[in-house]
């Protein structure tokens, strides 16, 4: 009789090639024999889409008793959530969760208020805020080089696919991008590679670090002029409501530019109405059935799962912790050896002088 994890992997074979999720597939195959998480009560709080199903399959194969959490602050596909429930998994809305868990695999701090006997693993930078003073340990995926290349490569890919989905032009158009962190840098590189003109709103004192024309974010007049003349405005600062807080909202509302948010939270703020921003201020790539393609999040989701493995040892102090280097290197080696994006990842690592 097939287990739920086997059923999930079987279903995925019709949607993905094995080289699109080499790390999670390795976890599934290895853990179904050793079952390192056997008997542990785990709340899986990652976004629920088809491409997160192999993550769930690996946890189940490891022997964990998995509850799938659905939270209003964490996007999910209702059809996929229904499918998981139909095959026998416990799927609960965040407001219905009362029980305690051994480990919570969280995203954006959605479940920080619950108790986790052994601790938490947080997927995002924004979620780390909730755990900075926690009495329990928190394994932080965002502090890894793996999350860096997911954000740099995968989010940029998601933006491009969403623009194509909406039949919006890139080549020859002027994109004003707010923020050039790891996500913004990838977006700027991809846009210029597709023939767009990129103007970057950033800290002017750091302009020598960027390969694009920089408008100092403190120079409001210059920012307003750029917004008035842009074809597209993309926010990816990681700061909630930054546009409303910092600039004249009417300039953005009246601009002929398409407004795009690619941050985890609304970066336009309350002074700019939701209808004025594509996808009503939610990240534009979430119009897609697969906001970030599995090939780009495979390593990140595998690392998130390893957070449970590390927490299970019960050797950690309270507060935030970065992933152990040996686990990161193992996952990166798996990606370079067998993933369909191995060349992209290798090029990225070379630019960061990261030696495996």
C-alpha atoms as a PDB file:
ATOM      1  CA  UNK A   1       0.000   0.000   0.000  1.00  0.00           C
ATOM      2  CA  UNK A   2       1.403   3.391  -1.018  1.00  0.00           C
ATOM      3  CA  UNK A   3       2.068   5.979   1.674  1.00  0.00           C
ATOM      4  CA  UNK A   4       0.872   9.578   1.343  1.00  0.00           C
ATOM      5  CA  UNK A   5       4.441  10.644   0.583  1.00  0.00           C
ATOM      6  CA  UNK A   6       4.653   8.095  -2.250  1.00  0.00           C
ATOM      7  CA  UNK A   7       1.316   9.313  -3.635  1.00  0.00           C
ATOM      8  CA  UNK A   8       2.522  12.913  -3.644  1.00  0.00           C
ATOM      9  CA  UNK A   9       5.779  12.070  -5.417  1.00  0.00           C
ATOM     10  CA  UNK A  10       3.886   9.990  -7.986  1.00  0.00           C
ATOM     11  CA  UNK A  11       1.530  12.893  -8.717  1.00  0.00           C
ATOM     12  CA  UNK A  12       4.459  15.252  -9.193  1.00  0.00           C
ATOM     13  CA  UNK A  13       5.993  13.080 -11.908  1.00  0.00           C
ATOM     14  CA  UNK A  14       3.424  14.389 -14.400  1.00  0.00           C
ATOM     15  CA  UNK A  15       4.308  18.018 -13.626  1.00  0.00           C
ATOM     16  CA  UNK A  16       8.062  18.044 -13.030  1.00  0.00           C
ATOM     17  CA  UNK A  17      11.228  16.369 -14.213  1.00  0.00           C
ATOM     18  CA  UNK A  18      13.393  14.835 -11.514  1.00  0.00           C
ATOM     19  CA  UNK A  19      16.168  17.373 -12.228  1.00  0.00           C
ATOM     20  CA  UNK A  20      13.822  20.161 -11.081  1.00  0.00           C
ATOM     21  CA  UNK A  21      13.797  18.976  -7.452  1.00  0.00           C
ATOM     22  CA  UNK A  22      16.981  17.012  -6.901  1.00  0.00           C
ATOM     23  CA  UNK A  23      17.439  18.100  -3.262  1.00  0.00           C
ATOM     24  CA  UNK A  24      13.920  17.342  -2.079  1.00  0.00           C
ATOM     25  CA  UNK A  25      13.888  14.079  -4.018  1.00  0.00           C
ATOM     26  CA  UNK A  26      17.126  13.075  -2.294  1.00  0.00           C
ATOM     27  CA  UNK A  27      15.558  13.874   1.086  1.00  0.00           C
ATOM     28  CA  UNK A  28      12.480  11.816   0.249  1.00  0.00           C
ATOM     29  CA  UNK A  29      14.495   8.820  -0.897  1.00  0.00           C
ATOM     30  CA  UNK A  30      16.967   8.885   1.994  1.00  0.00           C
ATOM     31  CA  UNK A  31      14.558   9.748   4.764  1.00  0.00           C
ATOM     32  CA  UNK A  32      11.932   7.120   3.952  1.00  0.00           C
ATOM     33  CA  UNK A  33      14.514   4.525   5.011  1.00  0.00           C
ATOM     34  CA  UNK A  34      16.066   6.249   8.024  1.00  0.00           C
ATOM     35  CA  UNK A  35      12.939   8.195   9.154  1.00  0.00           C
ATOM     36  CA  UNK A  36      14.930  10.738  11.221  1.00  0.00           C
ATOM     37  CA  UNK A  37      11.817  12.724  12.200  1.00  0.00           C
ATOM     38  CA  UNK A  38       9.676   9.747  13.218  1.00  0.00           C
ATOM     39  CA  UNK A  39       6.865  10.672  15.580  1.00  0.00           C
ATOM     40  CA  UNK A  40       7.569  14.400  15.664  1.00  0.00           C
ATOM     41  CA  UNK A  41       4.547  16.692  15.425  1.00  0.00           C
ATOM     42  CA  UNK A  42       5.433  19.265  12.748  1.00  0.00           C
ATOM     43  CA  UNK A  43       3.415  22.234  11.534  1.00  0.00           C
ATOM     44  CA  UNK A  44       4.292  22.946   7.896  1.00  0.00           C
ATOM     45  CA  UNK A  45       3.602  26.651   7.348  1.00  0.00           C
ATOM     46  CA  UNK A  46       5.174  27.278   3.941  1.00  0.00           C
ATOM     47  CA  UNK A  47       3.053  28.602   1.046  1.00  0.00           C
ATOM     48  CA  UNK A  48       0.962  25.737  -0.287  1.00  0.00           C
ATOM     49  CA  UNK A  49       1.342  25.300  -4.040  1.00  0.00           C
ATOM     50  CA  UNK A  50       2.024  22.292  -6.219  1.00  0.00           C
ATOM     51  CA  UNK A  51       5.743  23.047  -6.105  1.00  0.00           C
ATOM     52  CA  UNK A  52       5.802  22.800  -2.293  1.00  0.00           C
ATOM     53  CA  UNK A  53       4.316  19.294  -2.323  1.00  0.00           C
ATOM     54  CA  UNK A  54       7.722  17.532  -2.606  1.00  0.00           C
ATOM     55  CA  UNK A  55       8.754  19.351   0.584  1.00  0.00           C
ATOM     56  CA  UNK A  56       5.745  17.866   2.365  1.00  0.00           C
ATOM     57  CA  UNK A  57       6.471  14.445   0.853  1.00  0.00           C
ATOM     58  CA  UNK A  58      10.017  14.516   2.255  1.00  0.00           C
ATOM     59  CA  UNK A  59       8.780  15.378   5.773  1.00  0.00           C
ATOM     60  CA  UNK A  60       6.216  12.570   5.650  1.00  0.00           C
ATOM     61  CA  UNK A  61       8.822  10.122   4.364  1.00  0.00           C
ATOM     62  CA  UNK A  62      10.984  11.120   7.351  1.00  0.00           C
ATOM     63  CA  UNK A  63       8.255   9.826   9.655  1.00  0.00           C
ATOM     64  CA  UNK A  64       6.957  13.210  10.820  1.00  0.00           C
ATOM     65  CA  UNK A  65       3.301  13.715  11.697  1.00  0.00           C
ATOM     66  CA  UNK A  66       2.608  16.741   9.507  1.00  0.00           C
ATOM     67  CA  UNK A  67      -0.153  19.332   9.833  1.00  0.00           C
ATOM     68  CA  UNK A  68      -0.506  21.764   6.920  1.00  0.00           C
ATOM     69  CA  UNK A  69      -1.233  25.321   8.030  1.00  0.00           C
ATOM     70  CA  UNK A  70      -3.134  27.823   5.888  1.00  0.00           C
ATOM     71  CA  UNK A  71      -2.740  31.420   7.000  1.00  0.00           C
ATOM     72  CA  UNK A  72      -4.108  34.658   5.551  1.00  0.00           C
ATOM     73  CA  UNK A  73      -0.610  36.174   5.579  1.00  0.00           C
ATOM     74  CA  UNK A  74       0.876  33.287   3.613  1.00  0.00           C
ATOM     75  CA  UNK A  75      -0.392  32.654   0.060  1.00  0.00           C
ATOM     76  CA  UNK A  76      -1.726  29.245  -0.947  1.00  0.00           C
ATOM     77  CA  UNK A  77      -3.563  27.532  -3.761  1.00  0.00           C
ATOM     78  CA  UNK A  78      -6.997  26.315  -2.550  1.00  0.00           C
ATOM     79  CA  UNK A  79      -7.055  23.485  -5.080  1.00  0.00           C
ATOM     80  CA  UNK A  80      -3.699  22.127  -3.888  1.00  0.00           C
ATOM     81  CA  UNK A  81      -4.756  22.494  -0.253  1.00  0.00           C
ATOM     82  CA  UNK A  82      -7.930  20.555  -1.056  1.00  0.00           C
ATOM     83  CA  UNK A  83      -5.930  17.842  -2.801  1.00  0.00           C
ATOM     84  CA  UNK A  84      -3.696  17.413   0.257  1.00  0.00           C
ATOM     85  CA  UNK A  85      -6.751  17.077   2.464  1.00  0.00           C
ATOM     86  CA  UNK A  86      -8.330  14.570   0.070  1.00  0.00           C
ATOM     87  CA  UNK A  87      -5.323  12.237   0.264  1.00  0.00           C
ATOM     88  CA  UNK A  88      -5.447  12.194   4.044  1.00  0.00           C
ATOM     89  CA  UNK A  89      -3.360  15.070   5.379  1.00  0.00           C
ATOM     90  CA  UNK A  90      -4.562  17.331   8.185  1.00  0.00           C
ATOM     91  CA  UNK A  91      -5.035  20.800   6.715  1.00  0.00           C
ATOM     92  CA  UNK A  92      -5.922  23.573   9.168  1.00  0.00           C
ATOM     93  CA  UNK A  93      -6.452  27.294   8.969  1.00  0.00           C
ATOM     94  CA  UNK A  94      -4.170  29.384  11.156  1.00  0.00           C
ATOM     95  CA  UNK A  95      -7.011  30.650  13.305  1.00  0.00           C
ATOM     96  CA  UNK A  96      -8.075  27.040  14.073  1.00  0.00           C
ATOM     97  CA  UNK A  97      -4.681  25.923  15.344  1.00  0.00           C
ATOM     98  CA  UNK A  98      -4.676  25.502  19.112  1.00  0.00           C
ATOM     99  CA  UNK A  99      -2.487  22.477  19.637  1.00  0.00           C
ATOM    100  CA  UNK A 100       1.204  22.501  20.470  1.00  0.00           C
ATOM    101  CA  UNK A 101       3.833  21.168  18.071  1.00  0.00           C
ATOM    102  CA  UNK A 102       7.345  19.824  18.428  1.00  0.00           C
ATOM    103  CA  UNK A 103       8.609  21.929  15.520  1.00  0.00           C
ATOM    104  CA  UNK A 104       7.040  24.716  13.462  1.00  0.00           C
ATOM    105  CA  UNK A 105       8.349  25.330   9.945  1.00  0.00           C
ATOM    106  CA  UNK A 106       7.168  28.917   9.580  1.00  0.00           C
ATOM    107  CA  UNK A 107       6.939  31.533   6.841  1.00  0.00           C
ATOM    108  CA  UNK A 108       6.743  35.294   7.520  1.00  0.00           C
ATOM    109  CA  UNK A 109       6.260  34.614  11.239  1.00  0.00           C
ATOM    110  CA  UNK A 110       2.660  33.514  10.703  1.00  0.00           C
ATOM    111  CA  UNK A 111       2.789  31.001  13.566  1.00  0.00           C
ATOM    112  CA  UNK A 112       5.193  32.697  15.973  1.00  0.00           C
ATOM    113  CA  UNK A 113       2.426  32.900  18.590  1.00  0.00           C
ATOM    114  CA  UNK A 114       2.113  29.104  18.846  1.00  0.00           C
ATOM    115  CA  UNK A 115       4.259  26.884  21.024  1.00  0.00           C
ATOM    116  CA  UNK A 116       6.962  24.714  19.493  1.00  0.00           C
ATOM    117  CA  UNK A 117       8.630  22.398  21.983  1.00  0.00           C
ATOM    118  CA  UNK A 118      11.921  22.162  20.076  1.00  0.00           C
ATOM    119  CA  UNK A 119      11.783  25.426  18.170  1.00  0.00           C
ATOM    120  CA  UNK A 120      11.044  27.059  14.838  1.00  0.00           C
ATOM    121  CA  UNK A 121      12.510  27.217  11.344  1.00  0.00           C
ATOM    122  CA  UNK A 122      11.679  30.493   9.573  1.00  0.00           C
ATOM    123  CA  UNK A 123      11.735  30.796   5.797  1.00  0.00           C
ATOM    124  CA  UNK A 124      11.853  34.586   5.322  1.00  0.00           C
ATOM    125  CA  UNK A 125      13.773  37.659   6.452  1.00  0.00           C
ATOM    126  CA  UNK A 126      10.582  39.455   7.464  1.00  0.00           C
ATOM    127  CA  UNK A 127       9.634  36.535   9.696  1.00  0.00           C
ATOM    128  CA  UNK A 128      12.889  36.684  11.640  1.00  0.00           C
ATOM    129  CA  UNK A 129      11.650  39.828  13.378  1.00  0.00           C
ATOM    130  CA  UNK A 130       9.119  37.755  15.331  1.00  0.00           C
ATOM    131  CA  UNK A 131      11.796  35.376  16.620  1.00  0.00           C
ATOM    132  CA  UNK A 132      14.601  37.782  17.480  1.00  0.00           C
ATOM    133  CA  UNK A 133      13.702  37.669  21.177  1.00  0.00           C
ATOM    134  CA  UNK A 134      12.147  34.190  21.250  1.00  0.00           C
ATOM    135  CA  UNK A 135      12.813  31.887  24.195  1.00  0.00           C
ATOM    136  CA  UNK A 136      13.077  29.025  21.674  1.00  0.00           C
ATOM    137  CA  UNK A 137      15.671  28.556  18.925  1.00  0.00           C
ATOM    138  CA  UNK A 138      14.847  29.648  15.387  1.00  0.00           C
ATOM    139  CA  UNK A 139      16.662  28.194  12.362  1.00  0.00           C
ATOM    140  CA  UNK A 140      16.834  31.072   9.830  1.00  0.00           C
ATOM    141  CA  UNK A 141      16.806  30.018   6.187  1.00  0.00           C
ATOM    142  CA  UNK A 142      17.064  33.583   4.852  1.00  0.00           C
ATOM    143  CA  UNK A 143      20.601  33.995   6.198  1.00  0.00           C
ATOM    144  CA  UNK A 144      21.871  31.321   3.795  1.00  0.00           C
ATOM    145  CA  UNK A 145      23.594  31.593   0.417  1.00  0.00           C
ATOM    146  CA  UNK A 146      20.926  29.134  -0.804  1.00  0.00           C
ATOM    147  CA  UNK A 147      18.112  31.608  -0.086  1.00  0.00           C
ATOM    148  CA  UNK A 148      20.224  34.288  -1.749  1.00  0.00           C
ATOM    149  CA  UNK A 149      20.391  32.471  -5.088  1.00  0.00           C
ATOM    150  CA  UNK A 150      16.699  31.544  -4.866  1.00  0.00           C
ATOM    151  CA  UNK A 151      15.744  35.201  -4.389  1.00  0.00           C
ATOM    152  CA  UNK A 152      18.231  36.447  -6.979  1.00  0.00           C
ATOM    153  CA  UNK A 153      17.379  33.947  -9.706  1.00  0.00           C
ATOM    154  CA  UNK A 154      13.916  32.676  -8.876  1.00  0.00           C
ATOM    155  CA  UNK A 155      12.070  35.879  -7.998  1.00  0.00           C
ATOM    156  CA  UNK A 156      13.402  37.615 -11.095  1.00  0.00           C
ATOM    157  CA  UNK A 157      12.223  34.659 -13.173  1.00  0.00           C
ATOM    158  CA  UNK A 158       8.812  34.896 -11.495  1.00  0.00           C
ATOM    159  CA  UNK A 159       8.518  38.602 -12.301  1.00  0.00           C
ATOM    160  CA  UNK A 160       9.372  38.012 -15.950  1.00  0.00           C
ATOM    161  CA  UNK A 161       6.848  35.175 -16.272  1.00  0.00           C
ATOM    162  CA  UNK A 162       4.124  37.296 -14.661  1.00  0.00           C
ATOM    163  CA  UNK A 163       4.824  40.205 -17.032  1.00  0.00           C
ATOM    164  CA  UNK A 164       4.596  37.802 -19.972  1.00  0.00           C
ATOM    165  CA  UNK A 165       1.389  36.334 -18.516  1.00  0.00           C
ATOM    166  CA  UNK A 166      -0.169  39.807 -18.521  1.00  0.00           C
ATOM    167  CA  UNK A 167       1.329  40.533 -21.967  1.00  0.00           C
ATOM    168  CA  UNK A 168       3.217  43.558 -20.641  1.00  0.00           C
ATOM    169  CA  UNK A 169       6.312  44.761 -22.501  1.00  0.00           C
ATOM    170  CA  UNK A 170       9.869  44.724 -21.204  1.00  0.00           C
ATOM    171  CA  UNK A 171      12.212  45.476 -24.109  1.00  0.00           C
ATOM    172  CA  UNK A 172      12.696  49.180 -24.668  1.00  0.00           C
ATOM    173  CA  UNK A 173      10.706  50.205 -21.610  1.00  0.00           C
ATOM    174  CA  UNK A 174      11.921  52.209 -18.600  1.00  0.00           C
ATOM    175  CA  UNK A 175      11.709  50.398 -15.274  1.00  0.00           C
ATOM    176  CA  UNK A 176      12.272  52.334 -12.053  1.00  0.00           C
ATOM    177  CA  UNK A 177      13.220  49.784  -9.402  1.00  0.00           C
ATOM    178  CA  UNK A 178      13.140  50.658  -5.698  1.00  0.00           C
ATOM    179  CA  UNK A 179      15.750  48.565  -3.866  1.00  0.00           C
ATOM    180  CA  UNK A 180      18.756  46.541  -4.954  1.00  0.00           C
ATOM    181  CA  UNK A 181      19.147  43.897  -2.291  1.00  0.00           C
ATOM    182  CA  UNK A 182      19.395  40.245  -3.235  1.00  0.00           C
ATOM    183  CA  UNK A 183      15.929  40.227  -4.844  1.00  0.00           C
ATOM    184  CA  UNK A 184      16.231  43.643  -6.468  1.00  0.00           C
ATOM    185  CA  UNK A 185      19.684  42.896  -7.853  1.00  0.00           C
ATOM    186  CA  UNK A 186      18.375  39.801  -9.609  1.00  0.00           C
ATOM    187  CA  UNK A 187      15.385  41.687 -10.995  1.00  0.00           C
ATOM    188  CA  UNK A 188      17.572  44.526 -12.316  1.00  0.00           C
ATOM    189  CA  UNK A 189      19.950  42.080 -14.005  1.00  0.00           C
ATOM    190  CA  UNK A 190      17.114  40.150 -15.621  1.00  0.00           C
ATOM    191  CA  UNK A 191      15.328  43.302 -16.839  1.00  0.00           C
ATOM    192  CA  UNK A 192      18.467  44.712 -18.442  1.00  0.00           C
ATOM    193  CA  UNK A 193      19.145  41.312 -19.993  1.00  0.00           C
ATOM    194  CA  UNK A 194      15.709  41.490 -21.616  1.00  0.00           C
ATOM    195  CA  UNK A 195      16.403  44.937 -23.068  1.00  0.00           C
ATOM    196  CA  UNK A 196      14.766  47.223 -20.498  1.00  0.00           C
ATOM    197  CA  UNK A 197      16.266  50.503 -19.286  1.00  0.00           C
ATOM    198  CA  UNK A 198      16.639  50.258 -15.496  1.00  0.00           C
ATOM    199  CA  UNK A 199      16.845  53.226 -13.137  1.00  0.00           C
ATOM    200  CA  UNK A 200      17.536  52.292  -9.542  1.00  0.00           C
ATOM    201  CA  UNK A 201      16.277  54.125  -6.449  1.00  0.00           C
ATOM    202  CA  UNK A 202      18.800  53.374  -3.725  1.00  0.00           C
ATOM    203  CA  UNK A 203      21.240  54.892  -1.273  1.00  0.00           C
ATOM    204  CA  UNK A 204      23.185  57.369  -3.399  1.00  0.00           C
ATOM    205  CA  UNK A 205      26.309  57.010  -1.270  1.00  0.00           C
ATOM    206  CA  UNK A 206      26.520  53.404  -2.477  1.00  0.00           C
ATOM    207  CA  UNK A 207      26.005  54.162  -6.172  1.00  0.00           C
ATOM    208  CA  UNK A 208      29.445  52.738  -7.046  1.00  0.00           C
ATOM    209  CA  UNK A 209      28.187  49.291  -5.924  1.00  0.00           C
ATOM    210  CA  UNK A 210      25.463  49.112  -8.572  1.00  0.00           C
ATOM    211  CA  UNK A 211      25.788  48.769 -12.322  1.00  0.00           C
ATOM    212  CA  UNK A 212      22.742  50.943 -13.062  1.00  0.00           C
ATOM    213  CA  UNK A 213      21.919  54.675 -13.001  1.00  0.00           C
ATOM    214  CA  UNK A 214      21.110  55.466  -9.361  1.00  0.00           C
ATOM    215  CA  UNK A 215      18.612  57.990  -8.013  1.00  0.00           C
ATOM    216  CA  UNK A 216      19.260  58.727  -4.334  1.00  0.00           C
ATOM    217  CA  UNK A 217      16.182  57.638  -2.389  1.00  0.00           C
ATOM    218  CA  UNK A 218      16.488  60.822  -0.253  1.00  0.00           C
ATOM    219  CA  UNK A 219      16.231  63.075  -3.329  1.00  0.00           C
ATOM    220  CA  UNK A 220      12.433  63.267  -3.463  1.00  0.00           C
ATOM    221  CA  UNK A 221      12.257  65.593  -6.448  1.00  0.00           C
ATOM    222  CA  UNK A 222      14.385  63.261  -8.566  1.00  0.00           C
ATOM    223  CA  UNK A 223      12.400  60.237  -7.413  1.00  0.00           C
ATOM    224  CA  UNK A 224       9.142  61.998  -8.306  1.00  0.00           C
ATOM    225  CA  UNK A 225      10.430  62.901 -11.787  1.00  0.00           C
ATOM    226  CA  UNK A 226      11.546  59.326 -12.386  1.00  0.00           C
ATOM    227  CA  UNK A 227       8.148  58.014 -11.285  1.00  0.00           C
ATOM    228  CA  UNK A 228       6.350  60.448 -13.604  1.00  0.00           C
ATOM    229  CA  UNK A 229       8.424  59.348 -16.608  1.00  0.00           C
ATOM    230  CA  UNK A 230       8.597  55.588 -15.956  1.00  0.00           C
ATOM    231  CA  UNK A 231       6.818  52.897 -17.900  1.00  0.00           C
ATOM    232  CA  UNK A 232       6.968  50.552 -14.899  1.00  0.00           C
ATOM    233  CA  UNK A 233       7.705  51.058 -11.195  1.00  0.00           C
ATOM    234  CA  UNK A 234       8.808  48.009  -9.210  1.00  0.00           C
ATOM    235  CA  UNK A 235       9.177  48.018  -5.410  1.00  0.00           C
ATOM    236  CA  UNK A 236      11.451  45.462  -3.793  1.00  0.00           C
ATOM    237  CA  UNK A 237      12.868  47.241  -0.738  1.00  0.00           C
ATOM    238  CA  UNK A 238      11.632  44.897   1.983  1.00  0.00           C
ATOM    239  CA  UNK A 239      10.084  47.917   3.766  1.00  0.00           C
ATOM    240  CA  UNK A 240       6.336  47.891   4.343  1.00  0.00           C
ATOM    241  CA  UNK A 241       4.582  51.048   3.076  1.00  0.00           C
ATOM    242  CA  UNK A 242       7.824  52.739   2.021  1.00  0.00           C
ATOM    243  CA  UNK A 243       6.309  54.727  -0.874  1.00  0.00           C
ATOM    244  CA  UNK A 244       3.502  56.279   1.202  1.00  0.00           C
ATOM    245  CA  UNK A 245       5.936  56.992   4.039  1.00  0.00           C
ATOM    246  CA  UNK A 246       8.600  58.626   1.899  1.00  0.00           C
ATOM    247  CA  UNK A 247       7.043  60.263  -1.160  1.00  0.00           C
ATOM    248  CA  UNK A 248       4.030  62.102  -2.539  1.00  0.00           C
ATOM    249  CA  UNK A 249       1.554  59.308  -3.249  1.00  0.00           C
ATOM    250  CA  UNK A 250      -0.288  61.407  -5.854  1.00  0.00           C
ATOM    251  CA  UNK A 251       2.789  61.308  -8.085  1.00  0.00           C
ATOM    252  CA  UNK A 252       2.573  57.517  -8.204  1.00  0.00           C
ATOM    253  CA  UNK A 253      -1.204  57.425  -8.507  1.00  0.00           C
ATOM    254  CA  UNK A 254      -1.221  59.882 -11.426  1.00  0.00           C
ATOM    255  CA  UNK A 255       1.816  58.415 -13.198  1.00  0.00           C
ATOM    256  CA  UNK A 256       1.057  56.478 -16.372  1.00  0.00           C
ATOM    257  CA  UNK A 257       3.445  53.757 -15.167  1.00  0.00           C
ATOM    258  CA  UNK A 258       2.338  50.271 -14.225  1.00  0.00           C
ATOM    259  CA  UNK A 259       2.941  49.827 -10.486  1.00  0.00           C
ATOM    260  CA  UNK A 260       4.344  46.477  -9.358  1.00  0.00           C
ATOM    261  CA  UNK A 261       5.096  45.210  -5.858  1.00  0.00           C
ATOM    262  CA  UNK A 262       7.568  42.348  -5.530  1.00  0.00           C
ATOM    263  CA  UNK A 263       8.025  42.617  -1.756  1.00  0.00           C
ATOM    264  CA  UNK A 264       6.542  40.162   0.712  1.00  0.00           C
ATOM    265  CA  UNK A 265       4.353  42.964   2.112  1.00  0.00           C
ATOM    266  CA  UNK A 266       2.624  46.006   0.612  1.00  0.00           C
ATOM    267  CA  UNK A 267       5.458  48.428  -0.126  1.00  0.00           C
ATOM    268  CA  UNK A 268       3.181  51.120  -1.597  1.00  0.00           C
ATOM    269  CA  UNK A 269       1.311  51.733   1.636  1.00  0.00           C
ATOM    270  CA  UNK A 270      -2.142  53.049   2.571  1.00  0.00           C
ATOM    271  CA  UNK A 271      -2.003  56.266   0.518  1.00  0.00           C
ATOM    272  CA  UNK A 272      -1.955  54.360  -2.768  1.00  0.00           C
ATOM    273  CA  UNK A 273      -5.152  52.371  -3.445  1.00  0.00           C
ATOM    274  CA  UNK A 274      -4.909  48.663  -4.148  1.00  0.00           C
ATOM    275  CA  UNK A 275      -6.587  48.968  -7.551  1.00  0.00           C
ATOM    276  CA  UNK A 276      -3.715  51.184  -8.740  1.00  0.00           C
ATOM    277  CA  UNK A 277      -1.118  48.422  -8.254  1.00  0.00           C
ATOM    278  CA  UNK A 278      -1.036  45.251 -10.350  1.00  0.00           C
ATOM    279  CA  UNK A 279      -2.397  42.235  -8.442  1.00  0.00           C
ATOM    280  CA  UNK A 280      -3.790  44.650  -5.826  1.00  0.00           C
ATOM    281  CA  UNK A 281      -0.407  45.137  -4.125  1.00  0.00           C
ATOM    282  CA  UNK A 282       0.325  41.431  -3.674  1.00  0.00           C
ATOM    283  CA  UNK A 283       3.596  40.259  -5.281  1.00  0.00           C
ATOM    284  CA  UNK A 284       2.931  40.151  -9.008  1.00  0.00           C
ATOM    285  CA  UNK A 285       4.333  36.642  -9.428  1.00  0.00           C
ATOM    286  CA  UNK A 286       1.484  35.315  -7.269  1.00  0.00           C
ATOM    287  CA  UNK A 287      -0.847  35.637 -10.246  1.00  0.00           C
ATOM    288  CA  UNK A 288       0.949  32.493 -11.461  1.00  0.00           C
ATOM    289  CA  UNK A 289       0.110  28.922 -10.540  1.00  0.00           C
ATOM    290  CA  UNK A 290       3.790  28.539  -9.639  1.00  0.00           C
ATOM    291  CA  UNK A 291       5.000  31.926  -8.304  1.00  0.00           C
ATOM    292  CA  UNK A 292       8.594  30.679  -8.080  1.00  0.00           C
ATOM    293  CA  UNK A 293       9.445  27.656 -10.170  1.00  0.00           C
ATOM    294  CA  UNK A 294      10.310  24.503  -8.234  1.00  0.00           C
ATOM    295  CA  UNK A 295      13.799  24.382  -9.783  1.00  0.00           C
ATOM    296  CA  UNK A 296      14.631  27.664  -8.012  1.00  0.00           C
ATOM    297  CA  UNK A 297      13.121  26.876  -4.592  1.00  0.00           C
ATOM    298  CA  UNK A 298      14.126  23.202  -4.383  1.00  0.00           C
ATOM    299  CA  UNK A 299      17.321  23.879  -2.417  1.00  0.00           C
ATOM    300  CA  UNK A 300      15.628  26.460  -0.160  1.00  0.00           C
ATOM    301  CA  UNK A 301      12.753  24.139   0.748  1.00  0.00           C
ATOM    302  CA  UNK A 302      15.202  21.299   1.403  1.00  0.00           C
ATOM    303  CA  UNK A 303      17.162  23.592   3.732  1.00  0.00           C
ATOM    304  CA  UNK A 304      13.937  24.550   5.539  1.00  0.00           C
ATOM    305  CA  UNK A 305      13.249  20.842   6.103  1.00  0.00           C
ATOM    306  CA  UNK A 306      16.768  20.351   7.447  1.00  0.00           C
ATOM    307  CA  UNK A 307      15.839  22.956  10.044  1.00  0.00           C
ATOM    308  CA  UNK A 308      13.630  20.293  11.640  1.00  0.00           C
ATOM    309  CA  UNK A 309      16.544  17.855  11.590  1.00  0.00           C
ATOM    310  CA  UNK A 310      18.797  20.388  13.368  1.00  0.00           C
ATOM    311  CA  UNK A 311      16.138  21.379  15.912  1.00  0.00           C
ATOM    312  CA  UNK A 312      15.432  17.733  16.690  1.00  0.00           C
ATOM    313  CA  UNK A 313      18.925  17.418  18.193  1.00  0.00           C
ATOM    314  CA  UNK A 314      17.777  19.828  20.901  1.00  0.00           C
ATOM    315  CA  UNK A 315      21.254  21.319  21.241  1.00  0.00           C
ATOM    316  CA  UNK A 316      20.439  24.909  20.296  1.00  0.00           C
ATOM    317  CA  UNK A 317      20.206  28.024  22.421  1.00  0.00           C
ATOM    318  CA  UNK A 318      17.292  30.439  22.196  1.00  0.00           C
ATOM    319  CA  UNK A 319      17.134  33.056  19.457  1.00  0.00           C
ATOM    320  CA  UNK A 320      18.166  33.167  15.800  1.00  0.00           C
ATOM    321  CA  UNK A 321      20.667  30.803  14.230  1.00  0.00           C
ATOM    322  CA  UNK A 322      22.096  30.481  10.720  1.00  0.00           C
ATOM    323  CA  UNK A 323      22.090  27.123   8.942  1.00  0.00           C
ATOM    324  CA  UNK A 324      25.210  25.016   9.557  1.00  0.00           C
ATOM    325  CA  UNK A 325      27.710  25.429   6.733  1.00  0.00           C
ATOM    326  CA  UNK A 326      28.070  21.682   6.170  1.00  0.00           C
ATOM    327  CA  UNK A 327      24.338  21.340   5.433  1.00  0.00           C
ATOM    328  CA  UNK A 328      24.397  24.269   3.021  1.00  0.00           C
ATOM    329  CA  UNK A 329      27.393  22.897   1.160  1.00  0.00           C
ATOM    330  CA  UNK A 330      25.781  19.456   0.866  1.00  0.00           C
ATOM    331  CA  UNK A 331      22.612  20.928  -0.658  1.00  0.00           C
ATOM    332  CA  UNK A 332      24.568  23.184  -3.018  1.00  0.00           C
ATOM    333  CA  UNK A 333      26.657  20.227  -4.199  1.00  0.00           C
ATOM    334  CA  UNK A 334      23.463  18.284  -4.932  1.00  0.00           C
ATOM    335  CA  UNK A 335      22.146  21.254  -6.930  1.00  0.00           C
ATOM    336  CA  UNK A 336      25.354  21.651  -8.939  1.00  0.00           C
ATOM    337  CA  UNK A 337      25.572  17.917  -9.618  1.00  0.00           C
ATOM    338  CA  UNK A 338      22.048  17.258 -10.849  1.00  0.00           C
ATOM    339  CA  UNK A 339      19.768  20.305 -11.135  1.00  0.00           C
ATOM    340  CA  UNK A 340      18.591  21.768 -14.407  1.00  0.00           C
ATOM    341  CA  UNK A 341      19.708  25.200 -13.097  1.00  0.00           C
ATOM    342  CA  UNK A 342      23.200  24.053 -12.112  1.00  0.00           C
ATOM    343  CA  UNK A 343      24.867  26.409 -14.595  1.00  0.00           C
ATOM    344  CA  UNK A 344      22.889  29.427 -13.382  1.00  0.00           C
ATOM    345  CA  UNK A 345      23.707  28.605  -9.761  1.00  0.00           C
ATOM    346  CA  UNK A 346      27.395  28.057 -10.538  1.00  0.00           C
ATOM    347  CA  UNK A 347      27.585  31.440 -12.301  1.00  0.00           C
ATOM    348  CA  UNK A 348      25.897  33.105  -9.337  1.00  0.00           C
ATOM    349  CA  UNK A 349      28.238  31.469  -6.815  1.00  0.00           C
ATOM    350  CA  UNK A 350      31.249  32.539  -8.874  1.00  0.00           C
ATOM    351  CA  UNK A 351      30.130  36.173  -8.738  1.00  0.00           C
ATOM    352  CA  UNK A 352      29.969  35.859  -4.937  1.00  0.00           C
ATOM    353  CA  UNK A 353      33.326  34.039  -4.744  1.00  0.00           C
ATOM    354  CA  UNK A 354      31.601  31.205  -2.908  1.00  0.00           C
ATOM    355  CA  UNK A 355      33.671  28.028  -3.073  1.00  0.00           C
ATOM    356  CA  UNK A 356      31.900  24.677  -2.636  1.00  0.00           C
END
